[in-house]
Amino acid sequence: MDDNLDSLALFAIAELSQLRAQALDLFDRCLAERNPAPILSFIENQVMGDPPHLPLLREFAAGLQQRLISLHAYHYDVRDKVTRTFADYGVDITPFLPSNPLSDYHRIEAQDHGICPAECLTCR
């Protein structure tokens, strides 16, 4: 009986992995075709299932989050390399390549944006 449970668990893991790979491939295809309809349909089918395939959706979301992190890292690496290359020739191009404001959130002063009251001790 334990062998049956183990094989069912392995089958479920393999199925989840296969569906996750299919979802990510479908996402890539949607990006290439600039058409979100197939991935939206896939997600709707997973949500509408009885029961909904939440582990798959979590895995898919984690995969997308990992891709987003990789893209951000690549973006900033390229930006840094281009900026340094121009700086080697004495050209400052930073005004033309501003960094993403969200990446600089730790430098934003709350008081400057009307978020923090003027009497706040932290912002003085």
PDB file of N, CA and C in Angstrom:
ATOM      1  N   MET A   1       0.825  -1.191   0.000  1.00  0.00           N
ATOM      2  CA  MET A   1       0.000   0.000   0.000  1.00  0.00           C
ATOM      3  C   MET A   1       0.873   1.260   0.000  1.00  0.00           C
ATOM      4  N   ASP A   2       1.965   1.232   0.789  1.00  0.00           N
ATOM      5  CA  ASP A   2       2.865   2.380   0.809  1.00  0.00           C
ATOM      6  C   ASP A   2       3.492   2.607  -0.554  1.00  0.00           C
ATOM      7  N   ASP A   3       3.751   1.513  -1.277  1.00  0.00           N
ATOM      8  CA  ASP A   3       4.307   1.653  -2.625  1.00  0.00           C
ATOM      9  C   ASP A   3       3.329   2.362  -3.548  1.00  0.00           C
ATOM     10  N   ASN A   4       2.031   2.071  -3.377  1.00  0.00           N
ATOM     11  CA  ASN A   4       1.008   2.746  -4.166  1.00  0.00           C
ATOM     12  C   ASN A   4       0.982   4.238  -3.887  1.00  0.00           C
ATOM     13  N   LEU A   5       1.072   4.596  -2.600  1.00  0.00           N
ATOM     14  CA  LEU A   5       1.062   6.016  -2.220  1.00  0.00           C
ATOM     15  C   LEU A   5       2.307   6.714  -2.734  1.00  0.00           C
ATOM     16  N   ASP A   6       3.450   6.036  -2.635  1.00  0.00           N
ATOM     17  CA  ASP A   6       4.691   6.627  -3.134  1.00  0.00           C
ATOM     18  C   ASP A   6       4.627   6.845  -4.638  1.00  0.00           C
ATOM     19  N   SER A   7       4.107   5.869  -5.372  1.00  0.00           N
ATOM     20  CA  SER A   7       4.029   6.025  -6.825  1.00  0.00           C
ATOM     21  C   SER A   7       3.011   7.101  -7.211  1.00  0.00           C
ATOM     22  N   LEU A   8       1.918   7.227  -6.437  1.00  0.00           N
ATOM     23  CA  LEU A   8       0.947   8.292  -6.701  1.00  0.00           C
ATOM     24  C   LEU A   8       1.555   9.664  -6.439  1.00  0.00           C
ATOM     25  N   ALA A   9       2.340   9.770  -5.373  1.00  0.00           N
ATOM     26  CA  ALA A   9       2.996  11.039  -5.051  1.00  0.00           C
ATOM     27  C   ALA A   9       3.998  11.407  -6.138  1.00  0.00           C
ATOM     28  N   LEU A  10       4.766  10.427  -6.605  1.00  0.00           N
ATOM     29  CA  LEU A  10       5.725  10.682  -7.673  1.00  0.00           C
ATOM     30  C   LEU A  10       5.017  11.091  -8.961  1.00  0.00           C
ATOM     31  N   PHE A  11       3.894  10.434  -9.236  1.00  0.00           N
ATOM     32  CA  PHE A  11       3.115  10.783 -10.421  1.00  0.00           C
ATOM     33  C   PHE A  11       2.595  12.213 -10.319  1.00  0.00           C
ATOM     34  N   ALA A  12       2.123  12.593  -9.143  1.00  0.00           N
ATOM     35  CA  ALA A  12       1.604  13.957  -8.948  1.00  0.00           C
ATOM     36  C   ALA A  12       2.714  14.987  -9.122  1.00  0.00           C
ATOM     37  N   ILE A  13       3.890  14.682  -8.603  1.00  0.00           N
ATOM     38  CA  ILE A  13       5.025  15.603  -8.739  1.00  0.00           C
ATOM     39  C   ILE A  13       5.436  15.726 -10.203  1.00  0.00           C
ATOM     40  N   ALA A  14       5.473  14.598 -10.900  1.00  0.00           N
ATOM     41  CA  ALA A  14       5.841  14.616 -12.318  1.00  0.00           C
ATOM     42  C   ALA A  14       4.807  15.387 -13.138  1.00  0.00           C
ATOM     43  N   GLU A  15       3.533  15.183 -12.822  1.00  0.00           N
ATOM     44  CA  GLU A  15       2.476  15.892 -13.529  1.00  0.00           C
ATOM     45  C   GLU A  15       2.581  17.396 -13.289  1.00  0.00           C
ATOM     46  N   LEU A  16       2.818  17.782 -12.042  1.00  0.00           N
ATOM     47  CA  LEU A  16       2.963  19.201 -11.706  1.00  0.00           C
ATOM     48  C   LEU A  16       4.139  19.808 -12.461  1.00  0.00           C
ATOM     49  N   SER A  17       5.238  19.089 -12.490  1.00  0.00           N
ATOM     50  CA  SER A  17       6.427  19.579 -13.190  1.00  0.00           C
ATOM     51  C   SER A  17       6.168  19.727 -14.687  1.00  0.00           C
ATOM     52  N   GLN A  18       5.477  18.749 -15.263  1.00  0.00           N
ATOM     53  CA  GLN A  18       5.174  18.805 -16.681  1.00  0.00           C
ATOM     54  C   GLN A  18       4.216  19.957 -17.003  1.00  0.00           C
ATOM     55  N   LEU A  19       3.185  20.127 -16.193  1.00  0.00           N
ATOM     56  CA  LEU A  19       2.240  21.221 -16.418  1.00  0.00           C
ATOM     57  C   LEU A  19       2.909  22.579 -16.248  1.00  0.00           C
ATOM     58  N   ARG A  20       3.804  22.685 -15.279  1.00  0.00           N
ATOM     59  CA  ARG A  20       4.535  23.942 -15.063  1.00  0.00           C
ATOM     60  C   ARG A  20       5.400  24.261 -16.278  1.00  0.00           C
ATOM     61  N   ALA A  21       6.082  23.258 -16.801  1.00  0.00           N
ATOM     62  CA  ALA A  21       6.907  23.461 -17.989  1.00  0.00           C
ATOM     63  C   ALA A  21       6.038  23.879 -19.181  1.00  0.00           C
ATOM     64  N   GLN A  22       4.888  23.245 -19.327  1.00  0.00           N
ATOM     65  CA  GLN A  22       3.972  23.607 -20.406  1.00  0.00           C
ATOM     66  C   GLN A  22       3.487  25.053 -20.250  1.00  0.00           C
ATOM     67  N   ALA A  23       3.185  25.430 -19.023  1.00  0.00           N
ATOM     68  CA  ALA A  23       2.706  26.793 -18.771  1.00  0.00           C
ATOM     69  C   ALA A  23       3.786  27.819 -19.109  1.00  0.00           C
ATOM     70  N   LEU A  24       5.024  27.546 -18.726  1.00  0.00           N
ATOM     71  CA  LEU A  24       6.108  28.480 -19.023  1.00  0.00           C
ATOM     72  C   LEU A  24       6.385  28.536 -20.527  1.00  0.00           C
ATOM     73  N   ASP A  25       6.292  27.393 -21.205  1.00  0.00           N
ATOM     74  CA  ASP A  25       6.446  27.388 -22.662  1.00  0.00           C
ATOM     75  C   ASP A  25       5.327  28.187 -23.328  1.00  0.00           C
ATOM     76  N   LEU A  26       4.129  28.001 -22.831  1.00  0.00           N
ATOM     77  CA  LEU A  26       2.983  28.740 -23.355  1.00  0.00           C
ATOM     78  C   LEU A  26       3.170  30.237 -23.133  1.00  0.00           C
ATOM     79  N   PHE A  27       3.688  30.597 -21.970  1.00  0.00           N
ATOM     80  CA  PHE A  27       3.967  32.003 -21.665  1.00  0.00           C
ATOM     81  C   PHE A  27       4.987  32.571 -22.656  1.00  0.00           C
ATOM     82  N   ASP A  28       6.047  31.801 -22.917  1.00  0.00           N
ATOM     83  CA  ASP A  28       7.055  32.240 -23.883  1.00  0.00           C
ATOM     84  C   ASP A  28       6.439  32.438 -25.269  1.00  0.00           C
ATOM     85  N   ARG A  29       5.579  31.515 -25.665  1.00  0.00           N
ATOM     86  CA  ARG A  29       4.917  31.635 -26.958  1.00  0.00           C
ATOM     87  C   ARG A  29       4.042  32.894 -27.007  1.00  0.00           C
ATOM     88  N   CYS A  30       3.333  33.159 -25.912  1.00  0.00           N
ATOM     89  CA  CYS A  30       2.486  34.356 -25.854  1.00  0.00           C
ATOM     90  C   CYS A  30       3.321  35.628 -25.986  1.00  0.00           C
ATOM     91  N   LEU A  31       4.486  35.631 -25.354  1.00  0.00           N
ATOM     92  CA  LEU A  31       5.375  36.796 -25.480  1.00  0.00           C
ATOM     93  C   LEU A  31       5.854  36.955 -26.912  1.00  0.00           C
ATOM     94  N   ALA A  32       6.237  35.843 -27.530  1.00  0.00           N
ATOM     95  CA  ALA A  32       6.745  35.894 -28.905  1.00  0.00           C
ATOM     96  C   ALA A  32       5.663  36.360 -29.877  1.00  0.00           C
ATOM     97  N   GLU A  33       4.436  35.913 -29.647  1.00  0.00           N
ATOM     98  CA  GLU A  33       3.332  36.266 -30.544  1.00  0.00           C
ATOM     99  C   GLU A  33       2.625  37.559 -30.136  1.00  0.00           C
ATOM    100  N   ARG A  34       2.996  38.082 -28.970  1.00  0.00           N
ATOM    101  CA  ARG A  34       2.366  39.293 -28.423  1.00  0.00           C
ATOM    102  C   ARG A  34       0.854  39.127 -28.288  1.00  0.00           C
ATOM    103  N   ASN A  35       0.485  37.955 -27.785  1.00  0.00           N
ATOM    104  CA  ASN A  35      -0.928  37.631 -27.625  1.00  0.00           C
ATOM    105  C   ASN A  35      -1.113  36.900 -26.292  1.00  0.00           C
ATOM    106  N   PRO A  36      -1.722  37.537 -25.290  1.00  0.00           N
ATOM    107  CA  PRO A  36      -1.860  36.907 -23.982  1.00  0.00           C
ATOM    108  C   PRO A  36      -3.005  35.901 -23.880  1.00  0.00           C
ATOM    109  N   ALA A  37      -3.830  35.782 -24.906  1.00  0.00           N
ATOM    110  CA  ALA A  37      -5.031  34.940 -24.821  1.00  0.00           C
ATOM    111  C   ALA A  37      -4.745  33.487 -24.440  1.00  0.00           C
ATOM    112  N   PRO A  38      -3.742  32.816 -25.035  1.00  0.00           N
ATOM    113  CA  PRO A  38      -3.523  31.407 -24.663  1.00  0.00           C
ATOM    114  C   PRO A  38      -3.155  31.212 -23.190  1.00  0.00           C
ATOM    115  N   ILE A  39      -2.300  32.065 -22.648  1.00  0.00           N
ATOM    116  CA  ILE A  39      -1.910  31.876 -21.244  1.00  0.00           C
ATOM    117  C   ILE A  39      -3.061  32.237 -20.321  1.00  0.00           C
ATOM    118  N   LEU A  40      -3.843  33.245 -20.697  1.00  0.00           N
ATOM    119  CA  LEU A  40      -5.010  33.586 -19.887  1.00  0.00           C
ATOM    120  C   LEU A  40      -6.013  32.441 -19.885  1.00  0.00           C
ATOM    121  N   SER A  41      -6.191  31.820 -21.025  1.00  0.00           N
ATOM    122  CA  SER A  41      -7.088  30.672 -21.118  1.00  0.00           C
ATOM    123  C   SER A  41      -6.580  29.511 -20.262  1.00  0.00           C
ATOM    124  N   PHE A  42      -5.280  29.271 -20.309  1.00  0.00           N
ATOM    125  CA  PHE A  42      -4.672  28.206 -19.495  1.00  0.00           C
ATOM    126  C   PHE A  42      -4.910  28.465 -18.009  1.00  0.00           C
ATOM    127  N   ILE A  43      -4.661  29.694 -17.577  1.00  0.00           N
ATOM    128  CA  ILE A  43      -4.847  30.041 -16.163  1.00  0.00           C
ATOM    129  C   ILE A  43      -6.310  29.916 -15.769  1.00  0.00           C
ATOM    130  N   GLU A  44      -7.201  30.389 -16.621  1.00  0.00           N
ATOM    131  CA  GLU A  44      -8.637  30.268 -16.330  1.00  0.00           C
ATOM    132  C   GLU A  44      -9.053  28.809 -16.191  1.00  0.00           C
ATOM    133  N   ASN A  45      -8.539  27.956 -17.079  1.00  0.00           N
ATOM    134  CA  ASN A  45      -8.864  26.525 -16.992  1.00  0.00           C
ATOM    135  C   ASN A  45      -8.369  25.913 -15.691  1.00  0.00           C
ATOM    136  N   GLN A  46      -7.194  26.347 -15.235  1.00  0.00           N
ATOM    137  CA  GLN A  46      -6.657  25.801 -13.987  1.00  0.00           C
ATOM    138  C   GLN A  46      -7.455  26.289 -12.782  1.00  0.00           C
ATOM    139  N   VAL A  47      -7.883  27.534 -12.829  1.00  0.00           N
ATOM    140  CA  VAL A  47      -8.667  28.103 -11.723  1.00  0.00           C
ATOM    141  C   VAL A  47     -10.067  27.510 -11.698  1.00  0.00           C
ATOM    142  N   MET A  48     -10.643  27.286 -12.870  1.00  0.00           N
ATOM    143  CA  MET A  48     -12.006  26.774 -12.953  1.00  0.00           C
ATOM    144  C   MET A  48     -12.092  25.269 -12.706  1.00  0.00           C
ATOM    145  N   GLY A  49     -10.957  24.599 -12.657  1.00  0.00           N
ATOM    146  CA  GLY A  49     -10.965  23.156 -12.432  1.00  0.00           C
ATOM    147  C   GLY A  49     -11.571  22.819 -11.078  1.00  0.00           C
ATOM    148  N   ASP A  50     -12.000  21.584 -10.964  1.00  0.00           N
ATOM    149  CA  ASP A  50     -12.605  21.162  -9.697  1.00  0.00           C
ATOM    150  C   ASP A  50     -11.819  19.984  -9.158  1.00  0.00           C
ATOM    151  N   PRO A  51     -10.954  20.159  -8.224  1.00  0.00           N
ATOM    152  CA  PRO A  51     -10.575  21.401  -7.534  1.00  0.00           C
ATOM    153  C   PRO A  51      -9.563  22.193  -8.363  1.00  0.00           C
ATOM    154  N   PRO A  52      -9.440  23.476  -8.083  1.00  0.00           N
ATOM    155  CA  PRO A  52      -8.456  24.285  -8.810  1.00  0.00           C
ATOM    156  C   PRO A  52      -7.048  23.756  -8.554  1.00  0.00           C
ATOM    157  N   HIS A  53      -6.212  23.842  -9.543  1.00  0.00           N
ATOM    158  CA  HIS A  53      -4.845  23.320  -9.434  1.00  0.00           C
ATOM    159  C   HIS A  53      -3.928  24.405  -8.852  1.00  0.00           C
ATOM    160  N   LEU A  54      -4.127  24.713  -7.570  1.00  0.00           N
ATOM    161  CA  LEU A  54      -3.390  25.797  -6.921  1.00  0.00           C
ATOM    162  C   LEU A  54      -1.885  25.555  -6.852  1.00  0.00           C
ATOM    163  N   PRO A  55      -1.435  24.320  -6.571  1.00  0.00           N
ATOM    164  CA  PRO A  55       0.030  24.124  -6.567  1.00  0.00           C
ATOM    165  C   PRO A  55       0.665  24.474  -7.913  1.00  0.00           C
ATOM    166  N   LEU A  56      -0.026  24.129  -8.996  1.00  0.00           N
ATOM    167  CA  LEU A  56       0.499  24.474 -10.321  1.00  0.00           C
ATOM    168  C   LEU A  56       0.566  25.980 -10.490  1.00  0.00           C
ATOM    169  N   LEU A  57      -0.482  26.675 -10.096  1.00  0.00           N
ATOM    170  CA  LEU A  57      -0.501  28.126 -10.240  1.00  0.00           C
ATOM    171  C   LEU A  57       0.576  28.785  -9.381  1.00  0.00           C
ATOM    172  N   ARG A  58       0.810  28.225  -8.192  1.00  0.00           N
ATOM    173  CA  ARG A  58       1.890  28.754  -7.339  1.00  0.00           C
ATOM    174  C   ARG A  58       3.247  28.552  -8.003  1.00  0.00           C
ATOM    175  N   GLU A  59       3.463  27.353  -8.542  1.00  0.00           N
ATOM    176  CA  GLU A  59       4.731  27.056  -9.219  1.00  0.00           C
ATOM    177  C   GLU A  59       4.914  27.947 -10.442  1.00  0.00           C
ATOM    178  N   PHE A  60       3.843  28.146 -11.190  1.00  0.00           N
ATOM    179  CA  PHE A  60       3.892  29.004 -12.369  1.00  0.00           C
ATOM    180  C   PHE A  60       4.232  30.437 -11.965  1.00  0.00           C
ATOM    181  N   ALA A  61       3.575  30.926 -10.921  1.00  0.00           N
ATOM    182  CA  ALA A  61       3.852  32.283 -10.436  1.00  0.00           C
ATOM    183  C   ALA A  61       5.305  32.406  -9.968  1.00  0.00           C
ATOM    184  N   ALA A  62       5.804  31.378  -9.301  1.00  0.00           N
ATOM    185  CA  ALA A  62       7.201  31.404  -8.850  1.00  0.00           C
ATOM    186  C   ALA A  62       8.150  31.432 -10.041  1.00  0.00           C
ATOM    187  N   GLY A  63       7.823  30.677 -11.074  1.00  0.00           N
ATOM    188  CA  GLY A  63       8.649  30.683 -12.283  1.00  0.00           C
ATOM    189  C   GLY A  63       8.661  32.041 -12.956  1.00  0.00           C
ATOM    190  N   LEU A  64       7.501  32.674 -13.020  1.00  0.00           N
ATOM    191  CA  LEU A  64       7.425  34.015 -13.609  1.00  0.00           C
ATOM    192  C   LEU A  64       8.184  35.032 -12.769  1.00  0.00           C
ATOM    193  N   GLN A  65       8.074  34.910 -11.449  1.00  0.00           N
ATOM    194  CA  GLN A  65       8.799  35.816 -10.554  1.00  0.00           C
ATOM    195  C   GLN A  65      10.305  35.658 -10.733  1.00  0.00           C
ATOM    196  N   GLN A  66      10.771  34.420 -10.879  1.00  0.00           N
ATOM    197  CA  GLN A  66      12.198  34.171 -11.081  1.00  0.00           C
ATOM    198  C   GLN A  66      12.664  34.780 -12.407  1.00  0.00           C
ATOM    199  N   ARG A  67      11.846  34.654 -13.436  1.00  0.00           N
ATOM    200  CA  ARG A  67      12.187  35.257 -14.728  1.00  0.00           C
ATOM    201  C   ARG A  67      12.249  36.777 -14.623  1.00  0.00           C
ATOM    202  N   LEU A  68      11.326  37.368 -13.900  1.00  0.00           N
ATOM    203  CA  LEU A  68      11.319  38.815 -13.721  1.00  0.00           C
ATOM    204  C   LEU A  68      12.576  39.275 -12.991  1.00  0.00           C
ATOM    205  N   ILE A  69      12.962  38.558 -11.974  1.00  0.00           N
ATOM    206  CA  ILE A  69      14.182  38.895 -11.238  1.00  0.00           C
ATOM    207  C   ILE A  69      15.395  38.804 -12.153  1.00  0.00           C
ATOM    208  N   SER A  70      15.446  37.762 -12.971  1.00  0.00           N
ATOM    209  CA  SER A  70      16.564  37.596 -13.912  1.00  0.00           C
ATOM    210  C   SER A  70      16.598  38.727 -14.928  1.00  0.00           C
ATOM    211  N   LEU A  71      15.430  39.115 -15.420  1.00  0.00           N
ATOM    212  CA  LEU A  71      15.377  40.211 -16.383  1.00  0.00           C
ATOM    213  C   LEU A  71      15.818  41.539 -15.769  1.00  0.00           C
ATOM    214  N   HIS A  72      15.407  41.777 -14.534  1.00  0.00           N
ATOM    215  CA  HIS A  72      15.844  42.999 -13.850  1.00  0.00           C
ATOM    216  C   HIS A  72      17.358  43.001 -13.678  1.00  0.00           C
ATOM    217  N   ALA A  73      17.910  41.873 -13.256  1.00  0.00           N
ATOM    218  CA  ALA A  73      19.359  41.787 -13.068  1.00  0.00           C
ATOM    219  C   ALA A  73      20.091  42.013 -14.392  1.00  0.00           C
ATOM    220  N   TYR A  74      19.585  41.401 -15.459  1.00  0.00           N
ATOM    221  CA  TYR A  74      20.193  41.573 -16.778  1.00  0.00           C
ATOM    222  C   TYR A  74      20.108  43.034 -17.222  1.00  0.00           C
ATOM    223  N   HIS A  75      18.949  43.649 -17.006  1.00  0.00           N
ATOM    224  CA  HIS A  75      18.752  45.057 -17.372  1.00  0.00           C
ATOM    225  C   HIS A  75      19.770  45.949 -16.672  1.00  0.00           C
ATOM    226  N   TYR A  76      19.948  45.765 -15.390  1.00  0.00           N
ATOM    227  CA  TYR A  76      20.865  46.619 -14.652  1.00  0.00           C
ATOM    228  C   TYR A  76      22.319  46.322 -14.997  1.00  0.00           C
ATOM    229  N   ASP A  77      22.635  45.056 -15.311  1.00  0.00           N
ATOM    230  CA  ASP A  77      23.996  44.744 -15.748  1.00  0.00           C
ATOM    231  C   ASP A  77      24.316  45.430 -17.072  1.00  0.00           C
ATOM    232  N   VAL A  78      23.379  45.363 -18.023  1.00  0.00           N
ATOM    233  CA  VAL A  78      23.590  45.999 -19.325  1.00  0.00           C
ATOM    234  C   VAL A  78      23.701  47.509 -19.154  1.00  0.00           C
ATOM    235  N   ARG A  79      22.807  48.088 -18.348  1.00  0.00           N
ATOM    236  CA  ARG A  79      22.843  49.530 -18.110  1.00  0.00           C
ATOM    237  C   ARG A  79      24.193  49.942 -17.525  1.00  0.00           C
ATOM    238  N   ASP A  80      24.673  49.164 -16.552  1.00  0.00           N
ATOM    239  CA  ASP A  80      25.945  49.465 -15.902  1.00  0.00           C
ATOM    240  C   ASP A  80      27.106  49.355 -16.893  1.00  0.00           C
ATOM    241  N   LYS A  81      27.105  48.321 -17.722  1.00  0.00           N
ATOM    242  CA  LYS A  81      28.187  48.149 -18.699  1.00  0.00           C
ATOM    243  C   LYS A  81      28.200  49.269 -19.732  1.00  0.00           C
ATOM    244  N   VAL A  82      27.022  49.655 -20.208  1.00  0.00           N
ATOM    245  CA  VAL A  82      26.948  50.743 -21.192  1.00  0.00           C
ATOM    246  C   VAL A  82      27.417  52.049 -20.553  1.00  0.00           C
ATOM    247  N   THR A  83      26.973  52.313 -19.345  1.00  0.00           N
ATOM    248  CA  THR A  83      27.372  53.538 -18.647  1.00  0.00           C
ATOM    249  C   THR A  83      28.878  53.575 -18.436  1.00  0.00           C
ATOM    250  N   ARG A  84      29.462  52.455 -18.025  1.00  0.00           N
ATOM    251  CA  ARG A  84      30.919  52.402 -17.803  1.00  0.00           C
ATOM    252  C   ARG A  84      31.693  52.557 -19.113  1.00  0.00           C
ATOM    253  N   THR A  85      31.198  51.956 -20.169  1.00  0.00           N
ATOM    254  CA  THR A  85      31.878  52.060 -21.463  1.00  0.00           C
ATOM    255  C   THR A  85      31.932  53.511 -21.920  1.00  0.00           C
ATOM    256  N   PHE A  86      30.813  54.200 -21.828  1.00  0.00           N
ATOM    257  CA  PHE A  86      30.802  55.614 -22.198  1.00  0.00           C
ATOM    258  C   PHE A  86      31.650  56.446 -21.238  1.00  0.00           C
ATOM    259  N   ALA A  87      31.638  56.094 -19.971  1.00  0.00           N
ATOM    260  CA  ALA A  87      32.446  56.830 -18.984  1.00  0.00           C
ATOM    261  C   ALA A  87      33.937  56.676 -19.289  1.00  0.00           C
ATOM    262  N   ASP A  88      34.338  55.531 -19.815  1.00  0.00           N
ATOM    263  CA  ASP A  88      35.744  55.332 -20.198  1.00  0.00           C
ATOM    264  C   ASP A  88      36.182  56.331 -21.267  1.00  0.00           C
ATOM    265  N   TYR A  89      35.229  56.803 -22.067  1.00  0.00           N
ATOM    266  CA  TYR A  89      35.517  57.795 -23.100  1.00  0.00           C
ATOM    267  C   TYR A  89      35.179  59.210 -22.643  1.00  0.00           C
ATOM    268  N   GLY A  90      34.890  59.369 -21.354  1.00  0.00           N
ATOM    269  CA  GLY A  90      34.628  60.680 -20.796  1.00  0.00           C
ATOM    270  C   GLY A  90      33.230  61.207 -21.066  1.00  0.00           C
ATOM    271  N   VAL A  91      32.291  60.337 -21.395  1.00  0.00           N
ATOM    272  CA  VAL A  91      30.932  60.763 -21.696  1.00  0.00           C
ATOM    273  C   VAL A  91      30.007  60.249 -20.594  1.00  0.00           C
ATOM    274  N   ASP A  92      29.285  61.170 -19.978  1.00  0.00           N
ATOM    275  CA  ASP A  92      28.331  60.795 -18.933  1.00  0.00           C
ATOM    276  C   ASP A  92      26.950  60.668 -19.553  1.00  0.00           C
ATOM    277  N   ILE A  93      26.464  59.442 -19.657  1.00  0.00           N
ATOM    278  CA  ILE A  93      25.145  59.224 -20.260  1.00  0.00           C
ATOM    279  C   ILE A  93      24.078  58.901 -19.213  1.00  0.00           C
ATOM    280  N   THR A  94      24.403  59.028 -17.952  1.00  0.00           N
ATOM    281  CA  THR A  94      23.424  58.701 -16.910  1.00  0.00           C
ATOM    282  C   THR A  94      22.135  59.503 -17.018  1.00  0.00           C
ATOM    283  N   PRO A  95      22.153  60.762 -17.502  1.00  0.00           N
ATOM    284  CA  PRO A  95      20.862  61.453 -17.656  1.00  0.00           C
ATOM    285  C   PRO A  95      19.954  60.802 -18.704  1.00  0.00           C
ATOM    286  N   PHE A  96      20.562  60.088 -19.654  1.00  0.00           N
ATOM    287  CA  PHE A  96      19.776  59.426 -20.700  1.00  0.00           C
ATOM    288  C   PHE A  96      19.345  58.019 -20.307  1.00  0.00           C
ATOM    289  N   LEU A  97      19.954  57.463 -19.288  1.00  0.00           N
ATOM    290  CA  LEU A  97      19.635  56.120 -18.802  1.00  0.00           C
ATOM    291  C   LEU A  97      19.305  56.157 -17.319  1.00  0.00           C
ATOM    292  N   PRO A  98      18.251  56.857 -16.954  1.00  0.00           N
ATOM    293  CA  PRO A  98      17.935  56.915 -15.522  1.00  0.00           C
ATOM    294  C   PRO A  98      17.576  55.524 -15.003  1.00  0.00           C
ATOM    295  N   SER A  99      17.958  55.287 -13.767  1.00  0.00           N
ATOM    296  CA  SER A  99      17.603  54.006 -13.173  1.00  0.00           C
ATOM    297  C   SER A  99      16.118  53.995 -12.841  1.00  0.00           C
ATOM    298  N   ASN A 100      15.599  52.833 -12.665  1.00  0.00           N
ATOM    299  CA  ASN A 100      14.191  52.651 -12.337  1.00  0.00           C
ATOM    300  C   ASN A 100      13.922  53.245 -10.955  1.00  0.00           C
ATOM    301  N   PRO A 101      12.921  54.125 -10.809  1.00  0.00           N
ATOM    302  CA  PRO A 101      12.632  54.724  -9.504  1.00  0.00           C
ATOM    303  C   PRO A 101      12.345  53.676  -8.427  1.00  0.00           C
ATOM    304  N   LEU A 102      11.760  52.547  -8.801  1.00  0.00           N
ATOM    305  CA  LEU A 102      11.493  51.524  -7.799  1.00  0.00           C
ATOM    306  C   LEU A 102      12.777  50.906  -7.268  1.00  0.00           C
ATOM    307  N   SER A 103      13.816  50.866  -8.092  1.00  0.00           N
ATOM    308  CA  SER A 103      15.077  50.309  -7.624  1.00  0.00           C
ATOM    309  C   SER A 103      15.777  51.274  -6.673  1.00  0.00           C
ATOM    310  N   ASP A 104      15.400  52.545  -6.729  1.00  0.00           N
ATOM    311  CA  ASP A 104      15.995  53.548  -5.845  1.00  0.00           C
ATOM    312  C   ASP A 104      15.070  53.936  -4.702  1.00  0.00           C
ATOM    313  N   TYR A 105      14.108  53.079  -4.377  1.00  0.00           N
ATOM    314  CA  TYR A 105      13.120  53.436  -3.357  1.00  0.00           C
ATOM    315  C   TYR A 105      13.769  53.750  -2.019  1.00  0.00           C
ATOM    316  N   HIS A 106      14.903  53.157  -1.731  1.00  0.00           N
ATOM    317  CA  HIS A 106      15.564  53.400  -0.451  1.00  0.00           C
ATOM    318  C   HIS A 106      16.169  54.812  -0.386  1.00  0.00           C
ATOM    319  N   ARG A 107      16.293  55.485  -1.533  1.00  0.00           N
ATOM    320  CA  ARG A 107      16.852  56.842  -1.554  1.00  0.00           C
ATOM    321  C   ARG A 107      15.779  57.924  -1.582  1.00  0.00           C
ATOM    322  N   ILE A 108      14.546  57.544  -1.776  1.00  0.00           N
ATOM    323  CA  ILE A 108      13.468  58.519  -1.890  1.00  0.00           C
ATOM    324  C   ILE A 108      13.099  59.043  -0.506  1.00  0.00           C
ATOM    325  N   GLU A 109      13.048  60.324  -0.391  1.00  0.00           N
ATOM    326  CA  GLU A 109      12.652  60.948   0.856  1.00  0.00           C
ATOM    327  C   GLU A 109      11.133  61.061   0.890  1.00  0.00           C
ATOM    328  N   ALA A 110      10.526  60.517   1.900  1.00  0.00           N
ATOM    329  CA  ALA A 110       9.068  60.521   2.010  1.00  0.00           C
ATOM    330  C   ALA A 110       8.515  61.938   2.067  1.00  0.00           C
ATOM    331  N   GLN A 111       9.209  62.806   2.746  1.00  0.00           N
ATOM    332  CA  GLN A 111       8.738  64.174   2.903  1.00  0.00           C
ATOM    333  C   GLN A 111       8.707  64.907   1.563  1.00  0.00           C
ATOM    334  N   ASP A 112       9.641  64.607   0.676  1.00  0.00           N
ATOM    335  CA  ASP A 112       9.689  65.247  -0.635  1.00  0.00           C
ATOM    336  C   ASP A 112       8.475  64.909  -1.489  1.00  0.00           C
ATOM    337  N   HIS A 113       7.828  63.807  -1.182  1.00  0.00           N
ATOM    338  CA  HIS A 113       6.698  63.354  -1.982  1.00  0.00           C
ATOM    339  C   HIS A 113       5.373  63.495  -1.255  1.00  0.00           C
ATOM    340  N   GLY A 114       5.377  64.266  -0.162  1.00  0.00           N
ATOM    341  CA  GLY A 114       4.145  64.532   0.561  1.00  0.00           C
ATOM    342  C   GLY A 114       3.597  63.337   1.321  1.00  0.00           C
ATOM    343  N   ILE A 115       4.422  62.343   1.544  1.00  0.00           N
ATOM    344  CA  ILE A 115       3.976  61.143   2.247  1.00  0.00           C
ATOM    345  C   ILE A 115       4.103  61.316   3.754  1.00  0.00           C
ATOM    346  N   CYS A 116       5.117  62.032   4.148  1.00  0.00           N
ATOM    347  CA  CYS A 116       5.431  62.158   5.566  1.00  0.00           C
ATOM    348  C   CYS A 116       5.167  63.604   6.017  1.00  0.00           C
ATOM    349  N   PRO A 117       4.566  63.776   7.176  1.00  0.00           N
ATOM    350  CA  PRO A 117       4.329  65.148   7.649  1.00  0.00           C
ATOM    351  C   PRO A 117       5.643  65.864   7.945  1.00  0.00           C
ATOM    352  N   ALA A 118       5.624  67.166   7.815  1.00  0.00           N
ATOM    353  CA  ALA A 118       6.836  67.974   8.001  1.00  0.00           C
ATOM    354  C   ALA A 118       7.407  67.837   9.404  1.00  0.00           C
ATOM    355  N   GLU A 119       6.537  67.558  10.388  1.00  0.00           N
ATOM    356  CA  GLU A 119       7.033  67.474  11.757  1.00  0.00           C
ATOM    357  C   GLU A 119       7.593  66.100  12.123  1.00  0.00           C
ATOM    358  N   CYS A 120       7.666  65.207  11.168  1.00  0.00           N
ATOM    359  CA  CYS A 120       8.176  63.855  11.425  1.00  0.00           C
ATOM    360  C   CYS A 120       9.653  63.928  11.804  1.00  0.00           C
ATOM    361  N   LEU A 121      10.042  63.293  12.884  1.00  0.00           N
ATOM    362  CA  LEU A 121      11.412  63.326  13.359  1.00  0.00           C
ATOM    363  C   LEU A 121      12.331  62.499  12.455  1.00  0.00           C
ATOM    364  N   THR A 122      11.819  61.489  11.839  1.00  0.00           N
ATOM    365  CA  THR A 122      12.638  60.629  10.991  1.00  0.00           C
ATOM    366  C   THR A 122      13.108  61.364   9.747  1.00  0.00           C
ATOM    367  N   CYS A 123      12.285  62.245   9.215  1.00  0.00           N
ATOM    368  CA  CYS A 123      12.593  62.913   7.951  1.00  0.00           C
ATOM    369  C   CYS A 123      13.358  64.215   8.130  1.00  0.00           C
ATOM    370  N   ARG A 124      13.635  64.614   9.314  1.00  0.00           N
ATOM    371  CA  ARG A 124      14.371  65.864   9.521  1.00  0.00           C
ATOM    372  C   ARG A 124      15.815  65.707   9.255  1.00  0.00           C
TER     373      ARG A 124
END
